Amino acid sequence: MHLKVHSIHFDADQKLINFINDKIGKLNVFHDQIIGGEVYLRLDNSDSKENKIAEIKLAVPGKDLFAKKQCRSFEEATDTAVEALRRQIRRHKTKSARD
């Protein structure tokens, strides 16, 4: 799977990029035909502490899956977004198995 990580208006360190690659790489357990994905990391302009946004788009055969989460850290936002994508993958697989 080919994964692109975009950090908007800041430079993500290698540790964060490795964390994201590891988390998204584990989704291959649930769907072995993931083509690729894109991750966008942004800082929200609000004053709240939960101003880190992770948007993940995965390309699977027949559909694109998307999750966007906002949390206190990029790691937490990535973790919750990957969990949402895992649920979407399972739903997509059961739906395509019925068709």
PDB file of N, CA and C in Angstrom:
ATOM      1  N   MET A   1       0.842  -1.178   0.000  1.00  0.00           N
ATOM      2  CA  MET A   1       0.000   0.000   0.000  1.00  0.00           C
ATOM      3  C   MET A   1       0.886   1.240   0.000  1.00  0.00           C
ATOM      4  N   HIS A   2       0.563   2.188  -0.853  1.00  0.00           N
ATOM      5  CA  HIS A   2       1.302   3.446  -0.941  1.00  0.00           C
ATOM      6  C   HIS A   2       0.573   4.487  -0.097  1.00  0.00           C
ATOM      7  N   LEU A   3       1.289   5.124   0.824  1.00  0.00           N
ATOM      8  CA  LEU A   3       0.687   6.096   1.735  1.00  0.00           C
ATOM      9  C   LEU A   3       1.441   7.414   1.660  1.00  0.00           C
ATOM     10  N   LYS A   4       0.691   8.513   1.490  1.00  0.00           N
ATOM     11  CA  LYS A   4       1.272   9.850   1.488  1.00  0.00           C
ATOM     12  C   LYS A   4       0.817  10.577   2.741  1.00  0.00           C
ATOM     13  N   VAL A   5       1.749  11.209   3.421  1.00  0.00           N
ATOM     14  CA  VAL A   5       1.428  11.996   4.610  1.00  0.00           C
ATOM     15  C   VAL A   5       1.722  13.460   4.304  1.00  0.00           C
ATOM     16  N   HIS A   6       0.688  14.301   4.453  1.00  0.00           N
ATOM     17  CA  HIS A   6       0.819  15.739   4.212  1.00  0.00           C
ATOM     18  C   HIS A   6       0.631  16.461   5.539  1.00  0.00           C
ATOM     19  N   SER A   7       1.602  17.261   5.934  1.00  0.00           N
ATOM     20  CA  SER A   7       1.441  18.102   7.121  1.00  0.00           C
ATOM     21  C   SER A   7       1.294  19.537   6.630  1.00  0.00           C
ATOM     22  N   ILE A   8       0.166  20.131   6.953  1.00  0.00           N
ATOM     23  CA  ILE A   8      -0.179  21.443   6.415  1.00  0.00           C
ATOM     24  C   ILE A   8       0.220  22.530   7.410  1.00  0.00           C
ATOM     25  N   HIS A   9       1.044  23.457   6.979  1.00  0.00           N
ATOM     26  CA  HIS A   9       1.543  24.606   7.746  1.00  0.00           C
ATOM     27  C   HIS A   9       2.464  24.216   8.899  1.00  0.00           C
ATOM     28  N   PHE A  10       3.027  23.025   8.881  1.00  0.00           N
ATOM     29  CA  PHE A  10       4.054  22.639   9.837  1.00  0.00           C
ATOM     30  C   PHE A  10       4.790  21.433   9.268  1.00  0.00           C
ATOM     31  N   ASP A  11       5.924  21.098   9.855  1.00  0.00           N
ATOM     32  CA  ASP A  11       6.703  19.940   9.424  1.00  0.00           C
ATOM     33  C   ASP A  11       6.541  18.821  10.448  1.00  0.00           C
ATOM     34  N   ALA A  12       6.001  17.697  10.003  1.00  0.00           N
ATOM     35  CA  ALA A  12       5.838  16.537  10.884  1.00  0.00           C
ATOM     36  C   ALA A  12       7.180  15.851  11.049  1.00  0.00           C
ATOM     37  N   ASP A  13       7.495  15.458  12.274  1.00  0.00           N
ATOM     38  CA  ASP A  13       8.758  14.755  12.488  1.00  0.00           C
ATOM     39  C   ASP A  13       8.627  13.291  12.059  1.00  0.00           C
ATOM     40  N   GLN A  14       9.761  12.660  11.888  1.00  0.00           N
ATOM     41  CA  GLN A  14       9.797  11.283  11.370  1.00  0.00           C
ATOM     42  C   GLN A  14       9.097  10.312  12.312  1.00  0.00           C
ATOM     43  N   LYS A  15       9.164  10.566  13.610  1.00  0.00           N
ATOM     44  CA  LYS A  15       8.515   9.695  14.592  1.00  0.00           C
ATOM     45  C   LYS A  15       7.000   9.662  14.379  1.00  0.00           C
ATOM     46  N   LEU A  16       6.409  10.832  14.123  1.00  0.00           N
ATOM     47  CA  LEU A  16       4.969  10.910  13.864  1.00  0.00           C
ATOM     48  C   LEU A  16       4.616  10.207  12.553  1.00  0.00           C
ATOM     49  N   ILE A  17       5.399  10.394  11.528  1.00  0.00           N
ATOM     50  CA  ILE A  17       5.154   9.749  10.239  1.00  0.00           C
ATOM     51  C   ILE A  17       5.254   8.235  10.366  1.00  0.00           C
ATOM     52  N   ASN A  18       6.241   7.748  11.113  1.00  0.00           N
ATOM     53  CA  ASN A  18       6.370   6.306  11.341  1.00  0.00           C
ATOM     54  C   ASN A  18       5.176   5.758  12.110  1.00  0.00           C
ATOM     55  N   PHE A  19       4.698   6.520  13.106  1.00  0.00           N
ATOM     56  CA  PHE A  19       3.527   6.110  13.881  1.00  0.00           C
ATOM     57  C   PHE A  19       2.308   5.961  12.969  1.00  0.00           C
ATOM     58  N   ILE A  20       2.106   6.932  12.087  1.00  0.00           N
ATOM     59  CA  ILE A  20       0.963   6.910  11.163  1.00  0.00           C
ATOM     60  C   ILE A  20       1.085   5.726  10.206  1.00  0.00           C
ATOM     61  N   ASN A  21       2.274   5.515   9.658  1.00  0.00           N
ATOM     62  CA  ASN A  21       2.479   4.383   8.748  1.00  0.00           C
ATOM     63  C   ASN A  21       2.200   3.053   9.431  1.00  0.00           C
ATOM     64  N   ASP A  22       2.641   2.905  10.681  1.00  0.00           N
ATOM     65  CA  ASP A  22       2.402   1.664  11.419  1.00  0.00           C
ATOM     66  C   ASP A  22       0.920   1.440  11.664  1.00  0.00           C
ATOM     67  N   LYS A  23       0.220   2.483  12.105  1.00  0.00           N
ATOM     68  CA  LYS A  23      -1.211   2.351  12.413  1.00  0.00           C
ATOM     69  C   LYS A  23      -2.015   2.004  11.163  1.00  0.00           C
ATOM     70  N   ILE A  24      -1.758   2.703  10.076  1.00  0.00           N
ATOM     71  CA  ILE A  24      -2.523   2.457   8.854  1.00  0.00           C
ATOM     72  C   ILE A  24      -2.105   1.134   8.226  1.00  0.00           C
ATOM     73  N   GLY A  25      -0.853   0.756   8.366  1.00  0.00           N
ATOM     74  CA  GLY A  25      -0.392  -0.528   7.853  1.00  0.00           C
ATOM     75  C   GLY A  25      -1.111  -1.705   8.484  1.00  0.00           C
ATOM     76  N   LYS A  26      -1.544  -1.547   9.729  1.00  0.00           N
ATOM     77  CA  LYS A  26      -2.266  -2.619  10.416  1.00  0.00           C
ATOM     78  C   LYS A  26      -3.661  -2.844   9.837  1.00  0.00           C
ATOM     79  N   LEU A  27      -4.166  -1.903   9.055  1.00  0.00           N
ATOM     80  CA  LEU A  27      -5.482  -2.083   8.427  1.00  0.00           C
ATOM     81  C   LEU A  27      -5.443  -3.163   7.353  1.00  0.00           C
ATOM     82  N   ASN A  28      -4.251  -3.529   6.878  1.00  0.00           N
ATOM     83  CA  ASN A  28      -4.133  -4.599   5.882  1.00  0.00           C
ATOM     84  C   ASN A  28      -4.628  -5.929   6.433  1.00  0.00           C
ATOM     85  N   VAL A  29      -4.659  -6.072   7.747  1.00  0.00           N
ATOM     86  CA  VAL A  29      -5.185  -7.293   8.369  1.00  0.00           C
ATOM     87  C   VAL A  29      -6.678  -7.434   8.049  1.00  0.00           C
ATOM     88  N   PHE A  30      -7.379  -6.309   7.995  1.00  0.00           N
ATOM     89  CA  PHE A  30      -8.821  -6.326   7.785  1.00  0.00           C
ATOM     90  C   PHE A  30      -9.212  -6.325   6.311  1.00  0.00           C
ATOM     91  N   HIS A  31      -8.345  -5.783   5.467  1.00  0.00           N
ATOM     92  CA  HIS A  31      -8.630  -5.744   4.024  1.00  0.00           C
ATOM     93  C   HIS A  31      -7.296  -5.789   3.299  1.00  0.00           C
ATOM     94  N   ASP A  32      -7.043  -6.862   2.572  1.00  0.00           N
ATOM     95  CA  ASP A  32      -5.733  -7.028   1.944  1.00  0.00           C
ATOM     96  C   ASP A  32      -5.623  -6.350   0.583  1.00  0.00           C
ATOM     97  N   GLN A  33      -6.683  -5.681   0.129  1.00  0.00           N
ATOM     98  CA  GLN A  33      -6.632  -5.033  -1.183  1.00  0.00           C
ATOM     99  C   GLN A  33      -6.669  -3.508  -1.087  1.00  0.00           C
ATOM    100  N   ILE A  34      -6.147  -2.955  -0.005  1.00  0.00           N
ATOM    101  CA  ILE A  34      -6.074  -1.497   0.107  1.00  0.00           C
ATOM    102  C   ILE A  34      -5.033  -1.005  -0.890  1.00  0.00           C
ATOM    103  N   ILE A  35      -5.464  -0.128  -1.773  1.00  0.00           N
ATOM    104  CA  ILE A  35      -4.595   0.356  -2.848  1.00  0.00           C
ATOM    105  C   ILE A  35      -3.611   1.393  -2.327  1.00  0.00           C
ATOM    106  N   GLY A  36      -4.108   2.352  -1.592  1.00  0.00           N
ATOM    107  CA  GLY A  36      -3.242   3.412  -1.084  1.00  0.00           C
ATOM    108  C   GLY A  36      -4.036   4.352  -0.214  1.00  0.00           C
ATOM    109  N   GLY A  37      -3.367   5.388   0.251  1.00  0.00           N
ATOM    110  CA  GLY A  37      -4.055   6.339   1.104  1.00  0.00           C
ATOM    111  C   GLY A  37      -3.318   7.652   1.213  1.00  0.00           C
ATOM    112  N   GLU A  38      -4.045   8.630   1.734  1.00  0.00           N
ATOM    113  CA  GLU A  38      -3.479   9.949   1.982  1.00  0.00           C
ATOM    114  C   GLU A  38      -3.884  10.387   3.375  1.00  0.00           C
ATOM    115  N   VAL A  39      -2.937  10.991   4.078  1.00  0.00           N
ATOM    116  CA  VAL A  39      -3.184  11.497   5.421  1.00  0.00           C
ATOM    117  C   VAL A  39      -2.870  12.990   5.419  1.00  0.00           C
ATOM    118  N   TYR A  40      -3.817  13.778   5.921  1.00  0.00           N
ATOM    119  CA  TYR A  40      -3.619  15.214   6.049  1.00  0.00           C
ATOM    120  C   TYR A  40      -3.622  15.570   7.525  1.00  0.00           C
ATOM    121  N   LEU A  41      -2.558  16.204   7.985  1.00  0.00           N
ATOM    122  CA  LEU A  41      -2.446  16.645   9.371  1.00  0.00           C
ATOM    123  C   LEU A  41      -2.517  18.166   9.385  1.00  0.00           C
ATOM    124  N   ARG A  42      -3.458  18.691  10.175  1.00  0.00           N
ATOM    125  CA  ARG A  42      -3.646  20.145  10.238  1.00  0.00           C
ATOM    126  C   ARG A  42      -3.809  20.597  11.672  1.00  0.00           C
ATOM    127  N   LEU A  43      -3.480  21.850  11.910  1.00  0.00           N
ATOM    128  CA  LEU A  43      -3.747  22.494  13.188  1.00  0.00           C
ATOM    129  C   LEU A  43      -4.959  23.396  13.011  1.00  0.00           C
ATOM    130  N   ASP A  44      -5.946  23.224  13.891  1.00  0.00           N
ATOM    131  CA  ASP A  44      -7.140  24.062  13.848  1.00  0.00           C
ATOM    132  C   ASP A  44      -6.803  25.403  14.496  1.00  0.00           C
ATOM    133  N   ASN A  45      -7.452  26.463  14.058  1.00  0.00           N
ATOM    134  CA  ASN A  45      -7.157  27.797  14.586  1.00  0.00           C
ATOM    135  C   ASN A  45      -7.910  28.110  15.874  1.00  0.00           C
ATOM    136  N   SER A  46      -8.649  27.168  16.420  1.00  0.00           N
ATOM    137  CA  SER A  46      -9.432  27.450  17.623  1.00  0.00           C
ATOM    138  C   SER A  46      -8.529  27.514  18.857  1.00  0.00           C
ATOM    139  N   ASP A  47      -9.075  28.039  19.940  1.00  0.00           N
ATOM    140  CA  ASP A  47      -8.317  28.178  21.178  1.00  0.00           C
ATOM    141  C   ASP A  47      -8.361  26.923  22.039  1.00  0.00           C
ATOM    142  N   SER A  48      -9.176  25.945  21.653  1.00  0.00           N
ATOM    143  CA  SER A  48      -9.282  24.739  22.481  1.00  0.00           C
ATOM    144  C   SER A  48      -8.016  23.894  22.355  1.00  0.00           C
ATOM    145  N   LYS A  49      -7.795  23.021  23.338  1.00  0.00           N
ATOM    146  CA  LYS A  49      -6.620  22.150  23.321  1.00  0.00           C
ATOM    147  C   LYS A  49      -6.754  21.050  22.281  1.00  0.00           C
ATOM    148  N   GLU A  50      -7.976  20.739  21.895  1.00  0.00           N
ATOM    149  CA  GLU A  50      -8.198  19.702  20.875  1.00  0.00           C
ATOM    150  C   GLU A  50      -8.164  20.349  19.496  1.00  0.00           C
ATOM    151  N   ASN A  51      -6.966  20.774  19.085  1.00  0.00           N
ATOM    152  CA  ASN A  51      -6.851  21.504  17.826  1.00  0.00           C
ATOM    153  C   ASN A  51      -6.046  20.759  16.769  1.00  0.00           C
ATOM    154  N   LYS A  52      -5.747  19.465  17.000  1.00  0.00           N
ATOM    155  CA  LYS A  52      -5.015  18.671  16.005  1.00  0.00           C
ATOM    156  C   LYS A  52      -6.002  17.838  15.206  1.00  0.00           C
ATOM    157  N   ILE A  53      -5.938  17.953  13.882  1.00  0.00           N
ATOM    158  CA  ILE A  53      -6.882  17.258  13.001  1.00  0.00           C
ATOM    159  C   ILE A  53      -6.120  16.286  12.118  1.00  0.00           C
ATOM    160  N   ALA A  54      -6.623  15.051  12.060  1.00  0.00           N
ATOM    161  CA  ALA A  54      -6.079  14.039  11.153  1.00  0.00           C
ATOM    162  C   ALA A  54      -7.196  13.609  10.214  1.00  0.00           C
ATOM    163  N   GLU A  55      -6.953  13.734   8.922  1.00  0.00           N
ATOM    164  CA  GLU A  55      -7.895  13.284   7.896  1.00  0.00           C
ATOM    165  C   GLU A  55      -7.218  12.162   7.121  1.00  0.00           C
ATOM    166  N   ILE A  56      -7.895  11.024   7.031  1.00  0.00           N
ATOM    167  CA  ILE A  56      -7.320   9.868   6.338  1.00  0.00           C
ATOM    168  C   ILE A  56      -8.282   9.419   5.259  1.00  0.00           C
ATOM    169  N   LYS A  57      -7.749   9.274   4.043  1.00  0.00           N
ATOM    170  CA  LYS A  57      -8.536   8.769   2.920  1.00  0.00           C
ATOM    171  C   LYS A  57      -7.856   7.514   2.401  1.00  0.00           C
ATOM    172  N   LEU A  58      -8.604   6.402   2.364  1.00  0.00           N
ATOM    173  CA  LEU A  58      -8.072   5.139   1.863  1.00  0.00           C
ATOM    174  C   LEU A  58      -8.780   4.755   0.581  1.00  0.00           C
ATOM    175  N   ALA A  59      -8.026   4.272  -0.378  1.00  0.00           N
ATOM    176  CA  ALA A  59      -8.599   3.786  -1.634  1.00  0.00           C
ATOM    177  C   ALA A  59      -8.654   2.266  -1.582  1.00  0.00           C
ATOM    178  N   VAL A  60      -9.866   1.729  -1.646  1.00  0.00           N
ATOM    179  CA  VAL A  60     -10.077   0.284  -1.736  1.00  0.00           C
ATOM    180  C   VAL A  60     -10.858   0.028  -3.014  1.00  0.00           C
ATOM    181  N   PRO A  61     -10.766  -1.160  -3.576  1.00  0.00           N
ATOM    182  CA  PRO A  61     -11.481  -1.428  -4.822  1.00  0.00           C
ATOM    183  C   PRO A  61     -12.979  -1.142  -4.687  1.00  0.00           C
ATOM    184  N   GLY A  62     -13.467  -0.268  -5.549  1.00  0.00           N
ATOM    185  CA  GLY A  62     -14.889   0.049  -5.581  1.00  0.00           C
ATOM    186  C   GLY A  62     -15.301   1.221  -4.726  1.00  0.00           C
ATOM    187  N   LYS A  63     -14.427   1.729  -3.857  1.00  0.00           N
ATOM    188  CA  LYS A  63     -14.858   2.790  -2.964  1.00  0.00           C
ATOM    189  C   LYS A  63     -13.657   3.475  -2.324  1.00  0.00           C
ATOM    190  N   ASP A  64     -13.838   4.734  -1.934  1.00  0.00           N
ATOM    191  CA  ASP A  64     -12.855   5.442  -1.118  1.00  0.00           C
ATOM    192  C   ASP A  64     -13.436   5.595   0.273  1.00  0.00           C
ATOM    193  N   LEU A  65     -12.641   5.302   1.292  1.00  0.00           N
ATOM    194  CA  LEU A  65     -13.072   5.426   2.670  1.00  0.00           C
ATOM    195  C   LEU A  65     -12.395   6.644   3.278  1.00  0.00           C
ATOM    196  N   PHE A  66     -13.123   7.361   4.153  1.00  0.00           N
ATOM    197  CA  PHE A  66     -12.612   8.615   4.693  1.00  0.00           C
ATOM    198  C   PHE A  66     -12.958   8.732   6.167  1.00  0.00           C
ATOM    199  N   ALA A  67     -12.025   9.243   6.948  1.00  0.00           N
ATOM    200  CA  ALA A  67     -12.270   9.530   8.361  1.00  0.00           C
ATOM    201  C   ALA A  67     -11.524  10.800   8.736  1.00  0.00           C
ATOM    202  N   LYS A  68     -12.181  11.638   9.536  1.00  0.00           N
ATOM    203  CA  LYS A  68     -11.584  12.887  10.004  1.00  0.00           C
ATOM    204  C   LYS A  68     -11.832  12.979  11.501  1.00  0.00           C
ATOM    205  N   LYS A  69     -10.766  13.150  12.267  1.00  0.00           N
ATOM    206  CA  LYS A  69     -10.882  13.232  13.722  1.00  0.00           C
ATOM    207  C   LYS A  69     -10.065  14.399  14.240  1.00  0.00           C
ATOM    208  N   GLN A  70     -10.570  15.011  15.315  1.00  0.00           N
ATOM    209  CA  GLN A  70      -9.898  16.148  15.942  1.00  0.00           C
ATOM    210  C   GLN A  70      -9.684  15.816  17.422  1.00  0.00           C
ATOM    211  N   CYS A  71      -8.437  15.870  17.871  1.00  0.00           N
ATOM    212  CA  CYS A  71      -8.091  15.482  19.242  1.00  0.00           C
ATOM    213  C   CYS A  71      -6.982  16.381  19.790  1.00  0.00           C
ATOM    214  N   ARG A  72      -6.493  16.019  20.981  1.00  0.00           N
ATOM    215  CA  ARG A  72      -5.424  16.783  21.636  1.00  0.00           C
ATOM    216  C   ARG A  72      -4.061  16.583  20.975  1.00  0.00           C
ATOM    217  N   SER A  73      -3.826  15.409  20.378  1.00  0.00           N
ATOM    218  CA  SER A  73      -2.543  15.144  19.727  1.00  0.00           C
ATOM    219  C   SER A  73      -2.796  14.486  18.375  1.00  0.00           C
ATOM    220  N   PHE A  74      -1.800  14.565  17.511  1.00  0.00           N
ATOM    221  CA  PHE A  74      -1.931  13.932  16.204  1.00  0.00           C
ATOM    222  C   PHE A  74      -1.989  12.411  16.340  1.00  0.00           C
ATOM    223  N   GLU A  75      -1.279  11.879  17.329  1.00  0.00           N
ATOM    224  CA  GLU A  75      -1.305  10.428  17.546  1.00  0.00           C
ATOM    225  C   GLU A  75      -2.701   9.961  17.936  1.00  0.00           C
ATOM    226  N   GLU A  76      -3.342  10.698  18.843  1.00  0.00           N
ATOM    227  CA  GLU A  76      -4.693  10.338  19.275  1.00  0.00           C
ATOM    228  C   GLU A  76      -5.696  10.490  18.131  1.00  0.00           C
ATOM    229  N   ALA A  77      -5.562  11.562  17.360  1.00  0.00           N
ATOM    230  CA  ALA A  77      -6.462  11.782  16.223  1.00  0.00           C
ATOM    231  C   ALA A  77      -6.278  10.686  15.176  1.00  0.00           C
ATOM    232  N   THR A  78      -5.036  10.303  14.921  1.00  0.00           N
ATOM    233  CA  THR A  78      -4.760   9.226  13.969  1.00  0.00           C
ATOM    234  C   THR A  78      -5.332   7.914  14.464  1.00  0.00           C
ATOM    235  N   ASP A  79      -5.151   7.636  15.736  1.00  0.00           N
ATOM    236  CA  ASP A  79      -5.643   6.398  16.332  1.00  0.00           C
ATOM    237  C   ASP A  79      -7.161   6.274  16.203  1.00  0.00           C
ATOM    238  N   THR A  80      -7.891   7.339  16.527  1.00  0.00           N
ATOM    239  CA  THR A  80      -9.351   7.283  16.445  1.00  0.00           C
ATOM    240  C   THR A  80      -9.827   7.236  14.995  1.00  0.00           C
ATOM    241  N   ALA A  81      -9.117   7.927  14.103  1.00  0.00           N
ATOM    242  CA  ALA A  81      -9.493   7.885  12.687  1.00  0.00           C
ATOM    243  C   ALA A  81      -9.261   6.491  12.102  1.00  0.00           C
ATOM    244  N   VAL A  82      -8.160   5.835  12.486  1.00  0.00           N
ATOM    245  CA  VAL A  82      -7.876   4.479  12.006  1.00  0.00           C
ATOM    246  C   VAL A  82      -8.938   3.507  12.528  1.00  0.00           C
ATOM    247  N   GLU A  83      -9.377   3.704  13.765  1.00  0.00           N
ATOM    248  CA  GLU A  83     -10.436   2.854  14.326  1.00  0.00           C
ATOM    249  C   GLU A  83     -11.743   3.035  13.543  1.00  0.00           C
ATOM    250  N   ALA A  84     -12.063   4.266  13.174  1.00  0.00           N
ATOM    251  CA  ALA A  84     -13.253   4.524  12.365  1.00  0.00           C
ATOM    252  C   ALA A  84     -13.120   3.873  10.991  1.00  0.00           C
ATOM    253  N   LEU A  85     -11.933   3.929  10.411  1.00  0.00           N
ATOM    254  CA  LEU A  85     -11.712   3.298   9.107  1.00  0.00           C
ATOM    255  C   LEU A  85     -11.810   1.779   9.201  1.00  0.00           C
ATOM    256  N   ARG A  86     -11.353   1.220  10.310  1.00  0.00           N
ATOM    257  CA  ARG A  86     -11.453  -0.227  10.503  1.00  0.00           C
ATOM    258  C   ARG A  86     -12.926  -0.659  10.486  1.00  0.00           C
ATOM    259  N   ARG A  87     -13.783   0.107  11.158  1.00  0.00           N
ATOM    260  CA  ARG A  87     -15.220  -0.206  11.142  1.00  0.00           C
ATOM    261  C   ARG A  87     -15.789  -0.071   9.731  1.00  0.00           C
ATOM    262  N   GLN A  88     -15.361   0.972   9.001  1.00  0.00           N
ATOM    263  CA  GLN A  88     -15.839   1.165   7.630  1.00  0.00           C
ATOM    264  C   GLN A  88     -15.390   0.022   6.726  1.00  0.00           C
ATOM    265  N   ILE A  89     -14.165  -0.446   6.904  1.00  0.00           N
ATOM    266  CA  ILE A  89     -13.643  -1.557   6.090  1.00  0.00           C
ATOM    267  C   ILE A  89     -14.454  -2.816   6.349  1.00  0.00           C
ATOM    268  N   ARG A  90     -14.738  -3.102   7.599  1.00  0.00           N
ATOM    269  CA  ARG A  90     -15.521  -4.304   7.917  1.00  0.00           C
ATOM    270  C   ARG A  90     -16.916  -4.224   7.315  1.00  0.00           C
ATOM    271  N   ARG A  91     -17.545  -3.040   7.391  1.00  0.00           N
ATOM    272  CA  ARG A  91     -18.871  -2.851   6.783  1.00  0.00           C
ATOM    273  C   ARG A  91     -18.799  -3.016   5.271  1.00  0.00           C
ATOM    274  N   HIS A  92     -17.755  -2.432   4.663  1.00  0.00           N
ATOM    275  CA  HIS A  92     -17.597  -2.508   3.207  1.00  0.00           C
ATOM    276  C   HIS A  92     -17.393  -3.948   2.756  1.00  0.00           C
ATOM    277  N   LYS A  93     -16.601  -4.711   3.510  1.00  0.00           N
ATOM    278  CA  LYS A  93     -16.343  -6.108   3.148  1.00  0.00           C
ATOM    279  C   LYS A  93     -17.607  -6.963   3.272  1.00  0.00           C
ATOM    280  N   THR A  94     -18.394  -6.757   4.313  1.00  0.00           N
ATOM    281  CA  THR A  94     -19.619  -7.549   4.452  1.00  0.00           C
ATOM    282  C   THR A  94     -20.626  -7.178   3.374  1.00  0.00           C
ATOM    283  N   LYS A  95     -20.662  -5.889   3.023  1.00  0.00           N
ATOM    284  CA  LYS A  95     -21.576  -5.472   1.957  1.00  0.00           C
ATOM    285  C   LYS A  95     -21.164  -6.050   0.607  1.00  0.00           C
ATOM    286  N   SER A  96     -19.860  -6.020   0.293  1.00  0.00           N
ATOM    287  CA  SER A  96     -19.401  -6.529  -0.994  1.00  0.00           C
ATOM    288  C   SER A  96     -19.465  -8.056  -1.044  1.00  0.00           C
ATOM    289  N   ALA A  97     -19.400  -8.709   0.106  1.00  0.00           N
ATOM    290  CA  ALA A  97     -19.534 -10.173   0.135  1.00  0.00           C
ATOM    291  C   ALA A  97     -20.971 -10.607  -0.158  1.00  0.00           C
ATOM    292  N   ARG A  98     -21.926  -9.764   0.220  1.00  0.00           N
ATOM    293  CA  ARG A  98     -23.334 -10.082  -0.045  1.00  0.00           C
ATOM    294  C   ARG A  98     -23.701  -9.879  -1.507  1.00  0.00           C
ATOM    295  N   ASP A  99     -23.009  -8.947  -2.157  1.00  0.00           N
ATOM    296  CA  ASP A  99     -23.352  -8.624  -3.567  1.00  0.00           C
ATOM    297  C   ASP A  99     -22.895  -9.698  -4.529  1.00  0.00           C
TER     298      ASP A  99
END
